[in-house]
């Protein structure tokens, strides 16, 4: 992670490297010129922003991000250009990294999640299945204000150079082989909990806990340094340990999901 002043709350514990940093009102994207999509997205998830206010609905106003040089952008047409190679009836979903449901307190905040700089090509069953479950599980964690004062999340695509590479559209957007999410929660005691996940970009039937891994494993595979401002032996220990997943009791979603068709 690069050393920058913590003038943004979500960067308090570090920010990974990227070709271009896109500072949105309540989340940050590290954009990849090569892959034509975010390399990662970093956010602070709190109870206020995941609560629906102002009769807010999902805006669905997908659009290009004019802050990205045109030659490195993805477009709406890229995502409608090709069918999924296995599920021949499906196009690739414009999969959110920062979920629209994480920003429901104001229209402008929800709108920013529909920038294509926040999108990555996701298999339909993945996006509307286990990825959505993981997003909801993190929101459930953020609601546990009796234990935690802040919950941070960074997520992004994973690319395996030894596997076949699939691209879509004239912009040649690279389809990820999988995705990661790392969650950092600060307890009221001042201590930290950390959980990380890596999930293949395809529909899954296993529970979320099956895809848990150490943060160190994510860093090695993604080629990114996460939560670098948590230094010393304690920080290293957090990255090395695969902590048992938090309880989903009372959540509206289950870790082992049933088939659904809604987007995130």
Protein backbone atom coordinates (compact mmCIF):
# COMPACT_ATOMS: atom_id res chain seq x y z
CA UNK A 1 0.00 0.00 0.00
CA UNK A 2 1.17 3.50 -0.72
CA UNK A 3 1.72 5.99 2.04
CA UNK A 4 -0.87 8.76 1.82
CA UNK A 5 -2.34 10.99 4.51
CA UNK A 6 -5.45 9.47 6.09
CA UNK A 7 -7.68 12.28 4.91
CA UNK A 8 -10.28 9.70 3.89
CA UNK A 9 -11.78 7.50 6.63
CA UNK A 10 -11.63 4.37 4.46
CA UNK A 11 -7.86 4.75 3.94
CA UNK A 12 -7.04 4.75 7.65
CA UNK A 13 -5.40 1.33 7.51
CA UNK A 14 -3.87 1.59 4.06
CA UNK A 15 -4.63 1.69 0.35
CA UNK A 16 -3.32 -0.75 -2.31
CA UNK A 17 -1.42 0.34 -5.41
CA UNK A 18 -3.14 1.00 -8.75
CA UNK A 19 -2.74 2.67 -12.14
CA UNK A 20 -5.38 5.27 -11.30
CA UNK A 21 -7.07 6.24 -8.04
CA UNK A 22 -10.73 7.22 -8.33
CA UNK A 23 -11.96 9.00 -5.21
CA UNK A 24 -15.72 8.76 -4.88
CA UNK A 25 -17.75 10.30 -2.11
CA UNK A 26 -17.65 7.25 0.14
CA UNK A 27 -15.43 4.68 -1.54
CA UNK A 28 -12.18 4.50 -3.50
CA UNK A 29 -11.37 2.47 -6.60
CA UNK A 30 -7.91 1.45 -7.73
CA UNK A 31 -8.31 1.11 -11.50
CA UNK A 32 -6.33 -1.15 -13.83
CA UNK A 33 -5.60 0.16 -17.32
CA UNK A 34 -4.60 -3.32 -18.50
CA UNK A 35 -7.68 -5.18 -17.29
CA UNK A 36 -10.12 -2.31 -18.09
CA UNK A 37 -11.78 -2.61 -14.68
CA UNK A 38 -11.15 -1.93 -11.00
CA UNK A 39 -8.18 -3.74 -9.50
CA UNK A 40 -9.79 -3.22 -6.12
CA UNK A 41 -12.41 -1.16 -4.31
CA UNK A 42 -12.07 0.03 -0.72
CA UNK A 43 -14.95 1.13 1.49
CA UNK A 44 -16.02 1.80 5.05
CA UNK A 45 -19.37 0.14 5.72
CA UNK A 46 -21.51 1.58 8.49
CA UNK A 47 -25.06 1.23 9.70
CA UNK A 48 -26.09 4.70 8.52
CA UNK A 49 -25.24 4.10 4.86
CA UNK A 50 -26.79 0.64 4.58
CA UNK A 51 -30.07 1.89 6.06
CA UNK A 52 -32.61 2.90 3.40
CA UNK A 53 -33.48 6.59 3.57
CA UNK A 54 -35.25 9.15 1.34
CA UNK A 55 -37.44 6.34 -0.10
CA UNK A 56 -34.29 5.33 -1.95
CA UNK A 57 -34.51 2.66 -4.60
CA UNK A 58 -31.83 0.96 -6.68
CA UNK A 59 -30.99 3.48 -9.41
CA UNK A 60 -29.53 1.13 -12.06
CA UNK A 61 -27.97 4.12 -13.89
CA UNK A 62 -24.97 2.23 -15.28
CA UNK A 63 -22.59 4.57 -17.12
CA UNK A 64 -18.99 5.09 -18.16
CA UNK A 65 -16.58 6.91 -15.88
CA UNK A 66 -15.24 9.97 -17.69
CA UNK A 67 -12.31 10.24 -15.28
CA UNK A 68 -10.68 7.25 -16.99
CA UNK A 69 -8.77 7.87 -20.25
CA UNK A 70 -11.00 6.69 -23.11
CA UNK A 71 -8.52 4.10 -24.37
CA UNK A 72 -8.57 2.34 -20.99
CA UNK A 73 -12.32 2.44 -20.29
CA UNK A 74 -14.91 -0.28 -20.43
CA UNK A 75 -18.28 0.52 -22.02
CA UNK A 76 -21.84 -0.68 -21.67
CA UNK A 77 -21.56 -2.39 -25.05
CA UNK A 78 -18.65 -4.50 -23.82
CA UNK A 79 -20.94 -6.27 -21.37
CA UNK A 80 -23.61 -6.98 -23.99
CA UNK A 81 -21.15 -8.19 -26.63
CA UNK A 82 -20.73 -11.86 -25.70
CA UNK A 83 -22.62 -14.70 -24.10
CA UNK A 84 -21.15 -16.65 -21.22
CA UNK A 85 -19.10 -19.54 -22.73
CA UNK A 86 -20.88 -22.14 -20.56
CA UNK A 87 -24.29 -20.59 -19.87
CA UNK A 88 -25.04 -19.72 -23.49
CA UNK A 89 -28.23 -17.85 -22.61
CA UNK A 90 -26.54 -15.40 -20.26
CA UNK A 91 -24.49 -12.27 -20.78
CA UNK A 92 -21.80 -11.33 -18.28
CA UNK A 93 -23.21 -9.35 -15.37
CA UNK A 94 -21.82 -5.90 -14.65
CA UNK A 95 -20.83 -7.01 -11.18
CA UNK A 96 -20.46 -4.40 -8.44
CA UNK A 97 -17.35 -4.34 -6.28
CA UNK A 98 -18.94 -1.83 -3.91
CA UNK A 99 -22.53 -3.03 -3.69
CA UNK A 100 -25.33 -0.58 -4.37
CA UNK A 101 -26.94 -1.87 -1.17
CA UNK A 102 -23.92 -0.54 0.77
CA UNK A 103 -24.89 3.01 -0.20
CA UNK A 104 -28.58 3.54 0.45
CA UNK A 105 -28.63 6.70 2.54
CA UNK A 106 -28.57 9.16 -0.40
CA UNK A 107 -29.36 9.02 -4.11
CA UNK A 108 -25.97 10.42 -5.10
CA UNK A 109 -24.12 7.75 -3.10
CA UNK A 110 -26.15 4.94 -4.65
CA UNK A 111 -25.68 6.46 -8.10
CA UNK A 112 -21.89 6.41 -7.78
CA UNK A 113 -21.91 2.64 -7.34
CA UNK A 114 -23.20 2.29 -10.92
CA UNK A 115 -20.12 3.81 -12.54
CA UNK A 116 -18.45 1.23 -14.78
CA UNK A 117 -15.24 1.89 -12.88
CA UNK A 118 -16.94 -0.08 -10.07
CA UNK A 119 -17.90 -2.99 -12.36
CA UNK A 120 -16.20 -6.24 -13.27
CA UNK A 121 -17.44 -9.10 -15.53
CA UNK A 122 -19.11 -11.64 -13.27
CA UNK A 123 -20.90 -14.87 -14.11
CA UNK A 124 -24.60 -14.40 -13.45
CA UNK A 125 -24.85 -17.25 -10.94
CA UNK A 126 -21.83 -15.90 -9.06
CA UNK A 127 -22.99 -12.27 -8.94
CA UNK A 128 -26.54 -13.06 -7.92
CA UNK A 129 -25.53 -15.94 -5.69
CA UNK A 130 -22.55 -16.27 -3.41
CA UNK A 131 -21.13 -12.77 -4.09
CA UNK A 132 -24.43 -11.26 -3.03
CA UNK A 133 -24.44 -13.48 0.05
CA UNK A 134 -20.98 -12.26 1.02
CA UNK A 135 -22.02 -8.62 0.58
CA UNK A 136 -25.04 -9.15 2.81
CA UNK A 137 -22.94 -11.00 5.39
CA UNK A 138 -20.57 -8.01 5.64
CA UNK A 139 -23.51 -5.65 6.06
CA UNK A 140 -24.77 -7.91 8.84
CA UNK A 141 -21.37 -7.59 10.51
CA UNK A 142 -21.52 -3.79 10.21
CA UNK A 143 -24.86 -3.81 12.03
CA UNK A 144 -23.25 -5.44 15.08
CA UNK A 145 -22.57 -2.07 16.68
CA UNK A 146 -22.56 -3.60 20.14
CA UNK A 147 -19.20 -5.20 19.25
CA UNK A 148 -17.65 -3.17 16.43
CA UNK A 149 -17.11 0.54 15.89
CA UNK A 150 -16.07 0.32 12.22
CA UNK A 151 -16.04 -2.26 9.42
CA UNK A 152 -13.80 -1.88 6.36
CA UNK A 153 -13.80 -3.99 3.21
CA UNK A 154 -11.54 -4.23 0.18
CA UNK A 155 -12.38 -6.50 -2.74
CA UNK A 156 -11.29 -7.09 -6.30
CA UNK A 157 -10.82 -9.52 -9.19
CA UNK A 158 -8.32 -12.36 -9.35
CA UNK A 159 -6.48 -13.31 -12.55
CA UNK A 160 -4.64 -16.60 -13.02
CA UNK A 161 -1.94 -16.14 -15.64
CA UNK A 162 -1.57 -19.91 -16.13
CA UNK A 163 -5.23 -20.34 -17.12
CA UNK A 164 -6.99 -19.38 -20.35
CA UNK A 165 -7.79 -15.68 -20.60
CA UNK A 166 -11.22 -14.58 -21.82
CA UNK A 167 -11.94 -11.00 -22.89
CA UNK A 168 -15.23 -9.33 -23.80
CA UNK A 169 -16.15 -6.41 -26.04
CA UNK A 170 -14.11 -4.11 -28.23
CA UNK A 171 -12.44 -2.70 -25.12
CA UNK A 172 -11.14 -6.22 -24.39
CA UNK A 173 -12.25 -6.30 -20.78
CA UNK A 174 -10.55 -9.26 -19.10
CA UNK A 175 -12.89 -11.71 -17.36
CA UNK A 176 -11.55 -12.54 -13.87
CA UNK A 177 -11.06 -16.13 -12.79
CA UNK A 178 -12.29 -15.26 -9.31
CA UNK A 179 -12.70 -12.52 -6.72
CA UNK A 180 -11.41 -11.74 -3.26
CA UNK A 181 -12.81 -9.79 -0.35
CA UNK A 182 -10.96 -8.90 2.84
CA UNK A 183 -12.86 -7.53 5.82
CA UNK A 184 -11.32 -5.60 8.72
CA UNK A 185 -13.42 -4.87 11.80
CA UNK A 186 -12.36 -2.67 14.70
CA UNK A 187 -13.75 -3.74 18.05
CA UNK A 188 -14.84 -1.38 20.79
CA UNK A 189 -11.84 -2.65 22.75
CA UNK A 190 -9.49 -1.26 20.07
CA UNK A 191 -8.54 -4.75 18.86
CA UNK A 192 -9.07 -5.94 15.28
CA UNK A 193 -10.66 -8.91 13.56
CA UNK A 194 -9.83 -9.81 9.96
CA UNK A 195 -11.45 -12.25 7.52
CA UNK A 196 -10.64 -12.94 3.87
CA UNK A 197 -12.26 -14.90 1.06
CA UNK A 198 -11.36 -16.05 -2.47
CA UNK A 199 -14.17 -17.38 -4.67
CA UNK A 200 -14.07 -18.65 -8.29
CA UNK A 201 -16.12 -16.60 -10.78
CA UNK A 202 -18.89 -19.15 -11.22
CA UNK A 203 -22.07 -20.24 -9.49
CA UNK A 204 -21.40 -21.91 -6.15
CA UNK A 205 -23.37 -24.26 -3.91
CA UNK A 206 -20.94 -24.39 -0.98
CA UNK A 207 -21.27 -22.09 2.05
CA UNK A 208 -19.22 -18.91 2.36
CA UNK A 209 -17.02 -20.45 5.02
CA UNK A 210 -15.71 -22.91 2.40
CA UNK A 211 -14.01 -20.02 0.62
CA UNK A 212 -12.30 -18.47 3.62
CA UNK A 213 -8.54 -18.09 3.47
CA UNK A 214 -5.84 -16.03 5.12
CA UNK A 215 -5.23 -12.45 4.06
CA UNK A 216 -1.65 -13.46 3.32
CA UNK A 217 -2.97 -15.93 0.73
CA UNK A 218 -5.06 -13.19 -0.90
CA UNK A 219 -2.07 -10.87 -1.07
CA UNK A 220 0.09 -13.50 -2.73
CA UNK A 221 -2.49 -14.40 -5.36
CA UNK A 222 -3.77 -10.87 -6.05
CA UNK A 223 -0.34 -9.25 -5.97
CA UNK A 224 -1.59 -6.59 -3.59
CA UNK A 225 -0.64 -5.48 -0.10
CA UNK A 226 -3.68 -5.11 2.16
CA UNK A 227 -4.15 -3.25 5.45
CA UNK A 228 -0.49 -2.27 5.45
CA UNK A 229 -0.89 0.31 8.17
CA UNK A 230 -1.54 -2.48 10.64
CA UNK A 231 2.13 -3.16 11.28
CA UNK A 232 4.22 -5.23 13.62
CA UNK A 233 3.63 -8.69 15.03
CA UNK A 234 -0.08 -8.12 15.67
CA UNK A 235 -0.70 -7.02 12.08
CA UNK A 236 1.29 -9.94 10.70
CA UNK A 237 -0.64 -12.34 12.91
CA UNK A 238 -3.98 -11.02 11.62
CA UNK A 239 -2.86 -11.72 8.04
CA UNK A 240 -1.62 -15.23 8.81
CA UNK A 241 -4.64 -16.53 10.73
CA UNK A 242 -7.87 -17.80 9.15
CA UNK A 243 -10.35 -16.60 11.75
CA UNK A 244 -13.69 -18.35 12.15
CA UNK A 245 -16.38 -16.46 10.25
CA UNK A 246 -18.69 -14.20 12.24
CA UNK A 247 -22.17 -15.41 13.12
CA UNK A 248 -24.92 -14.83 10.55
CA UNK A 249 -27.65 -15.42 13.13
CA UNK A 250 -30.42 -12.92 12.50
CA UNK A 251 -29.19 -12.09 9.01
CA UNK A 252 -31.74 -11.93 6.20
CA UNK A 253 -29.40 -14.07 4.07
CA UNK A 254 -27.83 -17.45 4.71
CA UNK A 255 -24.24 -18.34 4.04
CA UNK A 256 -25.36 -21.38 2.04
CA UNK A 257 -27.78 -19.73 -0.33
CA UNK A 258 -30.77 -20.94 -2.23
CA UNK A 259 -31.03 -20.03 -5.88
CA UNK A 260 -32.10 -16.43 -6.46
CA UNK A 261 -32.07 -14.12 -9.44
CA UNK A 262 -31.77 -10.60 -8.08
CA UNK A 263 -28.67 -8.47 -8.61
CA UNK A 264 -26.57 -6.57 -6.09
